[in-house]
């Protein structure tokens, strides 16, 4: 009998080891999931969802980039300072 890792019950297919390593879906599984998503939502709706996700990620990155720059209050054209917003 072997001791240590991997345990003997992890050697067989579908054992504990396969769950711990995390199985990636293959091309067939991805195509099936994509097909189900198209049937449920429709191609137009999926395009809108993708566009919204892309814009959200882009705005998030832009927001992170803008946070690094110091905030400067622009002065009014007549030389008076604008009131600070609370």
N, C-alpha and C. Protein backbone atom coordinates (compact mmCIF):
# COMPACT_ATOMS: atom_id res chain seq x y z
N UNK A 1 0.83 -1.17 0.00
CA UNK A 1 0.00 0.00 0.00
C UNK A 1 0.88 1.24 0.00
N UNK A 2 0.50 2.21 -0.88
CA UNK A 2 1.27 3.44 -0.95
C UNK A 2 0.78 4.43 0.09
N UNK A 3 1.67 5.26 0.51
CA UNK A 3 1.29 6.31 1.46
C UNK A 3 1.67 7.65 0.84
N UNK A 4 1.14 8.71 1.42
CA UNK A 4 1.46 10.04 0.93
C UNK A 4 0.54 10.46 -0.20
N UNK A 5 0.95 11.45 -0.92
CA UNK A 5 0.14 12.01 -2.00
C UNK A 5 0.63 11.50 -3.32
N UNK A 6 -0.10 11.18 -4.30
CA UNK A 6 -1.56 11.11 -4.28
C UNK A 6 -2.05 9.87 -3.58
N UNK A 7 -3.18 9.99 -2.99
CA UNK A 7 -3.78 8.85 -2.30
C UNK A 7 -4.21 7.82 -3.32
N UNK A 8 -4.31 6.56 -2.94
CA UNK A 8 -4.70 5.51 -3.89
C UNK A 8 -6.06 5.73 -4.53
N UNK A 9 -7.01 6.37 -3.83
CA UNK A 9 -8.32 6.57 -4.43
C UNK A 9 -8.32 7.71 -5.45
N UNK A 10 -7.20 8.41 -5.57
CA UNK A 10 -7.12 9.51 -6.52
C UNK A 10 -6.60 9.06 -7.88
N UNK A 11 -6.14 7.83 -8.00
CA UNK A 11 -5.56 7.36 -9.26
C UNK A 11 -6.60 7.01 -10.31
N UNK A 12 -7.77 6.66 -9.90
CA UNK A 12 -8.77 6.24 -10.88
C UNK A 12 -9.45 7.46 -11.51
N UNK A 13 -9.93 7.32 -12.73
CA UNK A 13 -10.59 8.45 -13.40
C UNK A 13 -11.80 8.92 -12.60
N UNK A 14 -11.96 10.21 -12.51
CA UNK A 14 -13.07 10.77 -11.76
C UNK A 14 -12.85 10.77 -10.27
N UNK A 15 -11.64 10.49 -9.83
CA UNK A 15 -11.33 10.48 -8.41
C UNK A 15 -11.17 11.89 -7.88
N UNK A 16 -10.69 11.98 -6.67
CA UNK A 16 -10.54 13.26 -6.00
C UNK A 16 -9.55 14.15 -6.74
N UNK A 17 -8.51 13.56 -7.30
CA UNK A 17 -7.48 14.34 -7.96
C UNK A 17 -8.03 15.11 -9.15
N UNK A 18 -8.92 14.52 -9.92
CA UNK A 18 -9.47 15.22 -11.08
C UNK A 18 -10.30 16.42 -10.65
N UNK A 19 -10.94 16.35 -9.49
CA UNK A 19 -11.71 17.48 -9.00
C UNK A 19 -10.79 18.59 -8.50
N UNK A 20 -9.68 18.21 -7.89
CA UNK A 20 -8.78 19.21 -7.35
C UNK A 20 -8.01 19.94 -8.44
N UNK A 21 -7.71 19.27 -9.53
CA UNK A 21 -6.96 19.92 -10.60
C UNK A 21 -7.85 20.86 -11.40
N UNK A 22 -9.13 20.69 -11.38
CA UNK A 22 -10.03 21.55 -12.12
C UNK A 22 -10.01 21.18 -13.59
N UNK A 23 -11.10 20.64 -14.06
CA UNK A 23 -11.14 20.21 -15.45
C UNK A 23 -11.63 21.38 -16.31
N UNK A 24 -10.95 21.65 -17.39
CA UNK A 24 -11.33 22.71 -18.31
C UNK A 24 -12.30 22.16 -19.33
N UNK A 25 -13.28 22.96 -19.73
CA UNK A 25 -14.20 22.47 -20.76
C UNK A 25 -13.50 22.45 -22.12
N UNK A 26 -13.80 21.44 -22.89
CA UNK A 26 -13.23 21.31 -24.22
C UNK A 26 -14.02 22.13 -25.23
N UNK A 27 -13.64 22.03 -26.48
CA UNK A 27 -14.30 22.79 -27.55
C UNK A 27 -15.76 22.38 -27.69
N UNK A 28 -16.03 21.10 -27.58
CA UNK A 28 -17.41 20.62 -27.71
C UNK A 28 -18.30 21.21 -26.61
N UNK A 29 -17.82 21.21 -25.38
CA UNK A 29 -18.61 21.75 -24.28
C UNK A 29 -18.84 23.24 -24.45
N UNK A 30 -17.82 23.98 -24.89
CA UNK A 30 -17.96 25.42 -25.10
C UNK A 30 -18.99 25.69 -26.19
N UNK A 31 -18.95 24.92 -27.28
CA UNK A 31 -19.93 25.11 -28.36
C UNK A 31 -21.34 24.79 -27.89
N UNK A 32 -21.50 23.77 -27.07
CA UNK A 32 -22.83 23.44 -26.54
C UNK A 32 -23.34 24.57 -25.65
N UNK A 33 -22.50 25.08 -24.79
CA UNK A 33 -22.91 26.18 -23.90
C UNK A 33 -23.26 27.42 -24.73
N UNK A 34 -22.47 27.72 -25.74
CA UNK A 34 -22.74 28.86 -26.60
C UNK A 34 -24.05 28.67 -27.35
N UNK A 35 -24.30 27.47 -27.83
CA UNK A 35 -25.56 27.19 -28.53
C UNK A 35 -26.76 27.37 -27.62
N UNK A 36 -26.67 26.90 -26.39
CA UNK A 36 -27.76 27.06 -25.43
C UNK A 36 -27.99 28.54 -25.13
N UNK A 37 -26.90 29.30 -25.00
CA UNK A 37 -27.03 30.73 -24.72
C UNK A 37 -27.71 31.45 -25.89
N UNK A 38 -27.38 31.06 -27.12
CA UNK A 38 -28.01 31.69 -28.29
C UNK A 38 -29.49 31.35 -28.32
N UNK A 39 -29.84 30.12 -28.01
CA UNK A 39 -31.26 29.73 -28.01
C UNK A 39 -32.02 30.48 -26.92
N UNK A 40 -31.43 30.63 -25.73
CA UNK A 40 -32.11 31.30 -24.63
C UNK A 40 -32.24 32.81 -24.84
N UNK A 41 -31.17 33.46 -25.25
CA UNK A 41 -31.16 34.91 -25.32
C UNK A 41 -31.33 35.46 -26.73
N UNK A 42 -30.94 34.73 -27.73
CA UNK A 42 -30.97 35.24 -29.10
C UNK A 42 -29.66 35.90 -29.45
N UNK A 43 -29.32 35.89 -30.72
CA UNK A 43 -28.02 36.41 -31.15
C UNK A 43 -27.91 37.92 -30.92
N UNK A 44 -28.99 38.65 -31.15
CA UNK A 44 -28.96 40.11 -30.95
C UNK A 44 -28.75 40.48 -29.51
N UNK A 45 -29.41 39.77 -28.62
CA UNK A 45 -29.28 40.06 -27.19
C UNK A 45 -27.88 39.72 -26.70
N UNK A 46 -27.29 38.64 -27.19
CA UNK A 46 -25.91 38.30 -26.80
C UNK A 46 -24.94 39.35 -27.28
N UNK A 47 -25.17 39.91 -28.47
CA UNK A 47 -24.30 40.98 -28.97
C UNK A 47 -24.40 42.21 -28.06
N UNK A 48 -25.62 42.52 -27.62
CA UNK A 48 -25.80 43.65 -26.71
C UNK A 48 -25.11 43.41 -25.37
N UNK A 49 -25.20 42.18 -24.87
CA UNK A 49 -24.56 41.83 -23.61
C UNK A 49 -23.04 41.97 -23.75
N UNK A 50 -22.49 41.46 -24.85
CA UNK A 50 -21.04 41.58 -25.08
C UNK A 50 -20.60 43.02 -25.20
N UNK A 51 -21.40 43.83 -25.89
CA UNK A 51 -21.07 45.25 -26.04
C UNK A 51 -21.10 45.94 -24.69
N UNK A 52 -22.10 45.64 -23.88
CA UNK A 52 -22.20 46.24 -22.56
C UNK A 52 -21.04 45.84 -21.66
N UNK A 53 -20.65 44.57 -21.72
CA UNK A 53 -19.51 44.12 -20.93
C UNK A 53 -18.22 44.83 -21.36
N UNK A 54 -18.04 44.95 -22.66
CA UNK A 54 -16.85 45.63 -23.18
C UNK A 54 -16.78 47.08 -22.75
N UNK A 55 -17.91 47.77 -22.84
CA UNK A 55 -17.95 49.17 -22.42
C UNK A 55 -17.72 49.30 -20.92
N UNK A 56 -18.29 48.38 -20.15
CA UNK A 56 -18.09 48.42 -18.71
C UNK A 56 -16.64 48.22 -18.32
N UNK A 57 -15.97 47.27 -18.95
CA UNK A 57 -14.55 47.03 -18.67
C UNK A 57 -13.72 48.23 -19.08
N UNK A 58 -14.04 48.80 -20.24
CA UNK A 58 -13.31 49.98 -20.72
C UNK A 58 -13.48 51.15 -19.76
N UNK A 59 -14.71 51.40 -19.30
CA UNK A 59 -14.95 52.50 -18.36
C UNK A 59 -14.27 52.24 -17.02
N UNK A 60 -14.25 50.99 -16.58
CA UNK A 60 -13.58 50.65 -15.33
C UNK A 60 -12.08 50.95 -15.43
N UNK A 61 -11.46 50.54 -16.53
CA UNK A 61 -10.02 50.80 -16.71
C UNK A 61 -9.76 52.29 -16.79
N UNK A 62 -10.63 53.01 -17.48
CA UNK A 62 -10.47 54.46 -17.59
C UNK A 62 -10.60 55.10 -16.21
N UNK A 63 -11.53 54.61 -15.40
CA UNK A 63 -11.70 55.13 -14.05
C UNK A 63 -10.48 54.88 -13.18
N UNK A 64 -9.89 53.71 -13.31
CA UNK A 64 -8.67 53.42 -12.54
C UNK A 64 -7.54 54.33 -12.98
N UNK A 65 -7.46 54.59 -14.26
CA UNK A 65 -6.40 55.44 -14.80
C UNK A 65 -6.59 56.88 -14.33
N UNK A 66 -7.86 57.34 -14.31
CA UNK A 66 -8.14 58.72 -13.90
C UNK A 66 -7.92 58.93 -12.41
N UNK A 67 -8.06 57.90 -11.60
CA UNK A 67 -7.85 58.04 -10.16
C UNK A 67 -6.39 58.34 -9.83
N UNK A 68 -5.47 57.95 -10.69
CA UNK A 68 -4.05 58.20 -10.45
C UNK A 68 -3.70 59.67 -10.63
N UNK A 69 -4.48 60.38 -11.44
CA UNK A 69 -4.21 61.79 -11.70
C UNK A 69 -4.84 62.64 -10.59
N UNK A 70 -4.16 63.71 -10.14
CA UNK A 70 -4.74 64.55 -9.09
C UNK A 70 -5.94 65.33 -9.65
N UNK A 71 -6.92 65.55 -8.78
CA UNK A 71 -8.10 66.31 -9.19
C UNK A 71 -7.77 67.79 -9.13
N UNK A 72 -8.02 68.49 -10.22
CA UNK A 72 -7.80 69.93 -10.27
C UNK A 72 -9.13 70.59 -10.60
N UNK A 73 -9.48 71.61 -9.82
CA UNK A 73 -10.71 72.33 -10.07
C UNK A 73 -10.44 73.43 -11.09
N UNK A 74 -11.15 73.44 -12.20
CA UNK A 74 -10.94 74.52 -13.17
C UNK A 74 -11.51 75.82 -12.63
N UNK A 75 -10.84 76.92 -12.94
CA UNK A 75 -11.30 78.23 -12.48
C UNK A 75 -12.34 78.75 -13.45
N UNK A 76 -13.22 79.57 -12.93
CA UNK A 76 -14.25 80.17 -13.77
C UNK A 76 -13.61 81.17 -14.71
N UNK A 77 -14.30 81.51 -15.78
CA UNK A 77 -13.77 82.42 -16.80
C UNK A 77 -13.58 83.83 -16.26
N UNK A 78 -14.40 84.26 -15.29
CA UNK A 78 -14.29 85.61 -14.76
C UNK A 78 -13.30 85.72 -13.60
N UNK A 79 -12.59 84.66 -13.30
CA UNK A 79 -11.55 84.68 -12.28
C UNK A 79 -12.02 84.27 -10.91
N UNK A 80 -13.33 84.09 -10.72
CA UNK A 80 -13.82 83.66 -9.43
C UNK A 80 -13.73 82.15 -9.32
N UNK A 81 -13.55 81.70 -8.10
CA UNK A 81 -13.50 80.27 -7.89
C UNK A 81 -14.91 79.69 -7.87
N UNK A 82 -15.04 78.49 -8.39
CA UNK A 82 -16.32 77.81 -8.35
C UNK A 82 -16.52 77.23 -6.95
N UNK A 83 -17.76 77.21 -6.47
CA UNK A 83 -17.99 76.60 -5.15
C UNK A 83 -17.73 75.09 -5.21
N UNK A 84 -17.19 74.60 -4.11
CA UNK A 84 -16.88 73.17 -4.07
C UNK A 84 -18.16 72.39 -3.84
N UNK A 85 -18.27 71.26 -4.54
CA UNK A 85 -19.44 70.41 -4.40
C UNK A 85 -19.23 69.46 -3.24
N UNK A 86 -20.30 69.21 -2.50
CA UNK A 86 -20.20 68.34 -1.35
C UNK A 86 -20.41 66.90 -1.73
